[in-house]
Amino acid sequence: MTELDPATMQALEAAAFRRLRDHLRDRADVQNIDLMNLAGFCRNCLSRWMHEAAVEAGVALDKEGAKTLVYGMPYEEWKQRHQSDASAGQKAAFEQAIKAHDPGPQGER
């Protein structure tokens, strides 16, 4: 593997993140619950990670601002436009996915 300097690595990571963010904006038909069930993360996770990174960096970005950056619009507006009620099957799959990823009280799987 080619060694990358930290600035180049950061630029590549940022570009990949922007591409993922834009892809998820374009695929509003993919519900967050489906992302959680299949991948273990969703748009809300991305916005939470962005908010946490902002806090660590001392950047004034609140949780709603981070959601707006990820969703491309205020979260409530996105929900009204694109979010549908989860089916019983989606909810059951979500419960199973949560159990599979829960490390338990001792941090064990």
N, C-alpha and C. Protein backbone atom coordinates (compact mmCIF):
# COMPACT_ATOMS: atom_id res chain seq x y z
N MET A 1 0.85 -1.19 0.00
CA MET A 1 0.00 0.00 0.00
C MET A 1 0.88 1.24 0.00
N THR A 2 0.46 2.23 -0.73
CA THR A 2 1.16 3.50 -0.79
C THR A 2 0.95 4.27 0.51
N GLU A 3 2.01 4.81 1.04
CA GLU A 3 1.90 5.65 2.23
C GLU A 3 1.31 7.01 1.82
N LEU A 4 0.34 7.44 2.57
CA LEU A 4 -0.28 8.74 2.31
C LEU A 4 0.03 9.67 3.47
N ASP A 5 0.34 10.89 3.15
CA ASP A 5 0.57 11.86 4.22
C ASP A 5 -0.79 12.18 4.86
N PRO A 6 -0.76 12.63 6.12
CA PRO A 6 -2.02 12.87 6.84
C PRO A 6 -2.99 13.82 6.13
N ALA A 7 -2.48 14.86 5.50
CA ALA A 7 -3.37 15.81 4.83
C ALA A 7 -4.06 15.16 3.63
N THR A 8 -3.32 14.37 2.87
CA THR A 8 -3.92 13.68 1.73
C THR A 8 -4.95 12.67 2.21
N MET A 9 -4.61 11.92 3.25
CA MET A 9 -5.55 10.95 3.80
C MET A 9 -6.83 11.63 4.26
N GLN A 10 -6.69 12.75 4.95
CA GLN A 10 -7.87 13.49 5.42
C GLN A 10 -8.71 13.98 4.24
N ALA A 11 -8.07 14.46 3.19
CA ALA A 11 -8.80 14.93 2.02
C ALA A 11 -9.56 13.79 1.34
N LEU A 12 -8.93 12.63 1.24
CA LEU A 12 -9.59 11.47 0.64
C LEU A 12 -10.77 11.00 1.50
N GLU A 13 -10.57 10.96 2.80
CA GLU A 13 -11.66 10.57 3.71
C GLU A 13 -12.82 11.55 3.62
N ALA A 14 -12.51 12.83 3.56
CA ALA A 14 -13.56 13.85 3.45
C ALA A 14 -14.32 13.71 2.14
N ALA A 15 -13.60 13.45 1.06
CA ALA A 15 -14.26 13.27 -0.24
C ALA A 15 -15.16 12.03 -0.23
N ALA A 16 -14.69 10.95 0.39
CA ALA A 16 -15.51 9.73 0.48
C ALA A 16 -16.75 9.99 1.32
N PHE A 17 -16.60 10.73 2.41
CA PHE A 17 -17.76 11.06 3.24
C PHE A 17 -18.77 11.89 2.46
N ARG A 18 -18.29 12.90 1.74
CA ARG A 18 -19.21 13.74 0.96
C ARG A 18 -19.95 12.91 -0.07
N ARG A 19 -19.25 11.96 -0.68
CA ARG A 19 -19.90 11.11 -1.67
C ARG A 19 -20.97 10.23 -1.03
N LEU A 20 -20.67 9.66 0.14
CA LEU A 20 -21.66 8.88 0.87
C LEU A 20 -22.85 9.75 1.25
N ARG A 21 -22.58 10.93 1.80
CA ARG A 21 -23.66 11.85 2.18
C ARG A 21 -24.55 12.18 0.98
N ASP A 22 -23.94 12.50 -0.14
CA ASP A 22 -24.71 12.85 -1.33
C ASP A 22 -25.50 11.65 -1.86
N HIS A 23 -24.90 10.49 -1.80
CA HIS A 23 -25.59 9.27 -2.23
C HIS A 23 -26.83 9.04 -1.38
N LEU A 24 -26.70 9.20 -0.06
CA LEU A 24 -27.85 9.01 0.82
C LEU A 24 -28.90 10.09 0.63
N ARG A 25 -28.48 11.30 0.28
CA ARG A 25 -29.47 12.35 -0.03
C ARG A 25 -30.25 11.98 -1.29
N ASP A 26 -29.54 11.45 -2.29
CA ASP A 26 -30.19 11.06 -3.54
C ASP A 26 -31.09 9.85 -3.37
N ARG A 27 -30.80 9.01 -2.39
CA ARG A 27 -31.56 7.77 -2.17
C ARG A 27 -32.49 7.93 -0.97
N ALA A 28 -33.31 8.95 -1.00
CA ALA A 28 -34.27 9.18 0.08
C ALA A 28 -35.28 8.04 0.17
N ASP A 29 -35.37 7.21 -0.88
CA ASP A 29 -36.26 6.06 -0.83
C ASP A 29 -35.76 4.99 0.14
N VAL A 30 -34.49 5.03 0.48
CA VAL A 30 -33.93 4.09 1.43
C VAL A 30 -34.16 4.65 2.83
N GLN A 31 -34.96 3.95 3.60
CA GLN A 31 -35.32 4.40 4.94
C GLN A 31 -34.17 4.17 5.92
N ASN A 32 -34.09 5.01 6.94
CA ASN A 32 -33.06 4.87 7.96
C ASN A 32 -33.13 3.50 8.64
N ILE A 33 -34.33 3.00 8.87
CA ILE A 33 -34.45 1.70 9.55
C ILE A 33 -33.84 0.60 8.68
N ASP A 34 -33.97 0.71 7.36
CA ASP A 34 -33.36 -0.27 6.47
C ASP A 34 -31.83 -0.19 6.54
N LEU A 35 -31.30 1.03 6.58
CA LEU A 35 -29.86 1.20 6.74
C LEU A 35 -29.39 0.58 8.05
N MET A 36 -30.12 0.85 9.12
CA MET A 36 -29.75 0.29 10.42
C MET A 36 -29.79 -1.23 10.39
N ASN A 37 -30.83 -1.79 9.79
CA ASN A 37 -30.96 -3.23 9.75
C ASN A 37 -29.86 -3.89 8.93
N LEU A 38 -29.45 -3.27 7.86
CA LEU A 38 -28.46 -3.87 6.98
C LEU A 38 -27.02 -3.50 7.33
N ALA A 39 -26.81 -2.26 7.73
CA ALA A 39 -25.44 -1.78 7.90
C ALA A 39 -25.08 -1.40 9.33
N GLY A 40 -26.08 -1.25 10.19
CA GLY A 40 -25.79 -0.89 11.58
C GLY A 40 -25.57 0.60 11.79
N PHE A 41 -25.87 1.40 10.79
CA PHE A 41 -25.80 2.86 10.93
C PHE A 41 -26.79 3.47 9.95
N CYS A 42 -27.12 4.76 10.20
CA CYS A 42 -28.05 5.46 9.31
C CYS A 42 -27.64 6.93 9.21
N ARG A 43 -28.47 7.71 8.58
CA ARG A 43 -28.19 9.14 8.43
C ARG A 43 -28.07 9.82 9.79
N ASN A 44 -28.90 9.41 10.75
CA ASN A 44 -28.82 10.01 12.09
C ASN A 44 -27.48 9.70 12.74
N CYS A 45 -26.96 8.49 12.52
CA CYS A 45 -25.63 8.14 13.04
C CYS A 45 -24.58 9.06 12.44
N LEU A 46 -24.65 9.27 11.13
CA LEU A 46 -23.68 10.16 10.48
C LEU A 46 -23.74 11.56 11.07
N SER A 47 -24.96 12.04 11.29
CA SER A 47 -25.07 13.40 11.85
C SER A 47 -24.57 13.44 13.29
N ARG A 48 -24.80 12.37 14.05
CA ARG A 48 -24.29 12.32 15.43
C ARG A 48 -22.77 12.30 15.42
N TRP A 49 -22.18 11.52 14.52
CA TRP A 49 -20.72 11.47 14.43
C TRP A 49 -20.15 12.83 14.03
N MET A 50 -20.85 13.53 13.13
CA MET A 50 -20.40 14.86 12.72
C MET A 50 -20.47 15.82 13.91
N HIS A 51 -21.56 15.75 14.66
CA HIS A 51 -21.70 16.61 15.84
C HIS A 51 -20.60 16.30 16.85
N GLU A 52 -20.34 15.04 17.11
CA GLU A 52 -19.30 14.66 18.06
C GLU A 52 -17.92 15.15 17.59
N ALA A 53 -17.65 15.06 16.30
CA ALA A 53 -16.39 15.55 15.76
C ALA A 53 -16.28 17.07 15.94
N ALA A 54 -17.40 17.76 15.75
CA ALA A 54 -17.41 19.21 15.93
C ALA A 54 -17.11 19.56 17.39
N VAL A 55 -17.73 18.85 18.31
CA VAL A 55 -17.48 19.10 19.73
C VAL A 55 -16.00 18.88 20.05
N GLU A 56 -15.44 17.78 19.56
CA GLU A 56 -14.02 17.48 19.80
C GLU A 56 -13.12 18.57 19.23
N ALA A 57 -13.52 19.14 18.09
CA ALA A 57 -12.70 20.16 17.43
C ALA A 57 -13.00 21.57 17.94
N GLY A 58 -13.98 21.71 18.83
CA GLY A 58 -14.33 23.03 19.33
C GLY A 58 -15.11 23.87 18.33
N VAL A 59 -15.80 23.21 17.41
CA VAL A 59 -16.59 23.89 16.38
C VAL A 59 -18.03 23.99 16.87
N ALA A 60 -18.61 25.17 16.72
CA ALA A 60 -20.00 25.40 17.16
C ALA A 60 -20.96 24.83 16.12
N LEU A 61 -21.33 23.56 16.32
CA LEU A 61 -22.30 22.91 15.45
C LEU A 61 -23.20 22.06 16.34
N ASP A 62 -24.47 22.46 16.42
CA ASP A 62 -25.38 21.70 17.28
C ASP A 62 -25.90 20.47 16.54
N LYS A 63 -26.64 19.64 17.26
CA LYS A 63 -27.12 18.38 16.69
C LYS A 63 -28.04 18.60 15.50
N GLU A 64 -28.93 19.57 15.60
CA GLU A 64 -29.84 19.85 14.48
C GLU A 64 -29.08 20.39 13.27
N GLY A 65 -28.06 21.20 13.52
CA GLY A 65 -27.24 21.70 12.42
C GLY A 65 -26.51 20.57 11.71
N ALA A 66 -26.02 19.62 12.47
CA ALA A 66 -25.35 18.46 11.88
C ALA A 66 -26.33 17.63 11.06
N LYS A 67 -27.55 17.46 11.56
CA LYS A 67 -28.56 16.73 10.80
C LYS A 67 -28.86 17.43 9.48
N THR A 68 -28.97 18.76 9.52
CA THR A 68 -29.24 19.51 8.31
C THR A 68 -28.11 19.32 7.29
N LEU A 69 -26.87 19.29 7.77
CA LEU A 69 -25.74 19.07 6.86
C LEU A 69 -25.80 17.68 6.22
N VAL A 70 -26.20 16.68 6.97
CA VAL A 70 -26.27 15.32 6.44
C VAL A 70 -27.49 15.14 5.54
N TYR A 71 -28.65 15.62 5.98
CA TYR A 71 -29.88 15.40 5.22
C TYR A 71 -30.05 16.38 4.06
N GLY A 72 -29.36 17.50 4.10
CA GLY A 72 -29.51 18.50 3.04
C GLY A 72 -30.71 19.40 3.25
N MET A 73 -31.36 19.28 4.39
CA MET A 73 -32.52 20.08 4.76
C MET A 73 -32.77 19.81 6.24
N PRO A 74 -33.59 20.62 6.89
CA PRO A 74 -33.90 20.31 8.28
C PRO A 74 -34.50 18.90 8.40
N TYR A 75 -34.12 18.21 9.46
CA TYR A 75 -34.53 16.82 9.66
C TYR A 75 -36.05 16.66 9.64
N GLU A 76 -36.77 17.54 10.30
CA GLU A 76 -38.23 17.43 10.33
C GLU A 76 -38.81 17.52 8.92
N GLU A 77 -38.23 18.38 8.09
CA GLU A 77 -38.70 18.50 6.70
C GLU A 77 -38.42 17.20 5.94
N TRP A 78 -37.22 16.64 6.13
CA TRP A 78 -36.88 15.38 5.47
C TRP A 78 -37.86 14.28 5.88
N LYS A 79 -38.16 14.20 7.18
CA LYS A 79 -39.09 13.18 7.66
C LYS A 79 -40.45 13.33 6.99
N GLN A 80 -40.95 14.55 6.89
CA GLN A 80 -42.26 14.78 6.28
C GLN A 80 -42.25 14.37 4.81
N ARG A 81 -41.17 14.67 4.12
CA ARG A 81 -41.09 14.38 2.68
C ARG A 81 -40.83 12.91 2.38
N HIS A 82 -40.00 12.25 3.19
CA HIS A 82 -39.46 10.96 2.78
C HIS A 82 -39.69 9.79 3.72
N GLN A 83 -39.90 10.03 5.00
CA GLN A 83 -39.97 8.92 5.94
C GLN A 83 -41.35 8.30 5.96
N SER A 84 -41.37 6.99 5.88
CA SER A 84 -42.64 6.27 6.00
C SER A 84 -42.64 5.49 7.31
N ASP A 85 -43.82 5.06 7.72
CA ASP A 85 -43.91 4.26 8.93
C ASP A 85 -43.21 2.92 8.70
N ALA A 86 -42.49 2.47 9.71
CA ALA A 86 -41.80 1.19 9.61
C ALA A 86 -42.82 0.06 9.67
N SER A 87 -42.60 -0.94 8.86
CA SER A 87 -43.47 -2.11 8.86
C SER A 87 -43.14 -2.99 10.06
N ALA A 88 -44.01 -3.92 10.35
CA ALA A 88 -43.76 -4.87 11.44
C ALA A 88 -42.48 -5.65 11.17
N GLY A 89 -42.25 -6.02 9.91
CA GLY A 89 -41.04 -6.75 9.55
C GLY A 89 -39.78 -5.92 9.77
N GLN A 90 -39.83 -4.63 9.39
CA GLN A 90 -38.68 -3.75 9.61
C GLN A 90 -38.40 -3.60 11.10
N LYS A 91 -39.46 -3.45 11.88
CA LYS A 91 -39.29 -3.29 13.33
C LYS A 91 -38.71 -4.56 13.95
N ALA A 92 -39.17 -5.71 13.53
CA ALA A 92 -38.65 -6.98 14.05
C ALA A 92 -37.19 -7.15 13.67
N ALA A 93 -36.84 -6.83 12.43
CA ALA A 93 -35.45 -6.93 11.99
C ALA A 93 -34.57 -5.96 12.78
N PHE A 94 -35.11 -4.79 13.08
CA PHE A 94 -34.35 -3.80 13.87
C PHE A 94 -34.08 -4.34 15.27
N GLU A 95 -35.07 -4.94 15.88
CA GLU A 95 -34.88 -5.50 17.23
C GLU A 95 -33.81 -6.59 17.21
N GLN A 96 -33.82 -7.42 16.18
CA GLN A 96 -32.80 -8.47 16.06
C GLN A 96 -31.42 -7.87 15.81
N ALA A 97 -31.36 -6.84 14.99
CA ALA A 97 -30.07 -6.20 14.69
C ALA A 97 -29.50 -5.55 15.94
N ILE A 98 -30.35 -4.92 16.73
CA ILE A 98 -29.89 -4.28 17.97
C ILE A 98 -29.33 -5.33 18.92
N LYS A 99 -30.03 -6.44 19.06
CA LYS A 99 -29.56 -7.51 19.94
C LYS A 99 -28.22 -8.06 19.47
N ALA A 100 -28.05 -8.20 18.17
CA ALA A 100 -26.81 -8.75 17.62
C ALA A 100 -25.62 -7.83 17.85
N HIS A 101 -25.88 -6.52 17.97
CA HIS A 101 -24.79 -5.55 18.13
C HIS A 101 -24.65 -5.03 19.55
N ASP A 102 -25.50 -5.49 20.46
CA ASP A 102 -25.43 -5.05 21.85
C ASP A 102 -24.29 -5.77 22.55
N PRO A 103 -23.28 -5.02 23.03
CA PRO A 103 -22.14 -5.67 23.66
C PRO A 103 -22.45 -6.20 25.06
N GLY A 104 -23.60 -5.89 25.61
CA GLY A 104 -23.95 -6.39 26.94
C GLY A 104 -23.30 -5.59 28.04
N PRO A 105 -23.60 -5.93 29.30
CA PRO A 105 -23.12 -5.12 30.43
C PRO A 105 -21.61 -5.16 30.61
N GLN A 106 -20.94 -6.23 30.18
CA GLN A 106 -19.50 -6.33 30.36
C GLN A 106 -18.74 -6.00 29.08
N GLY A 107 -19.43 -5.49 28.07
CA GLY A 107 -18.78 -5.16 26.82
C GLY A 107 -18.47 -6.40 25.99
N GLU A 108 -19.17 -7.51 26.28
CA GLU A 108 -18.94 -8.77 25.57
C GLU A 108 -20.07 -8.98 24.58
N ARG A 109 -19.76 -9.74 23.56
CA ARG A 109 -20.79 -10.13 22.58
C ARG A 109 -21.34 -11.45 22.93
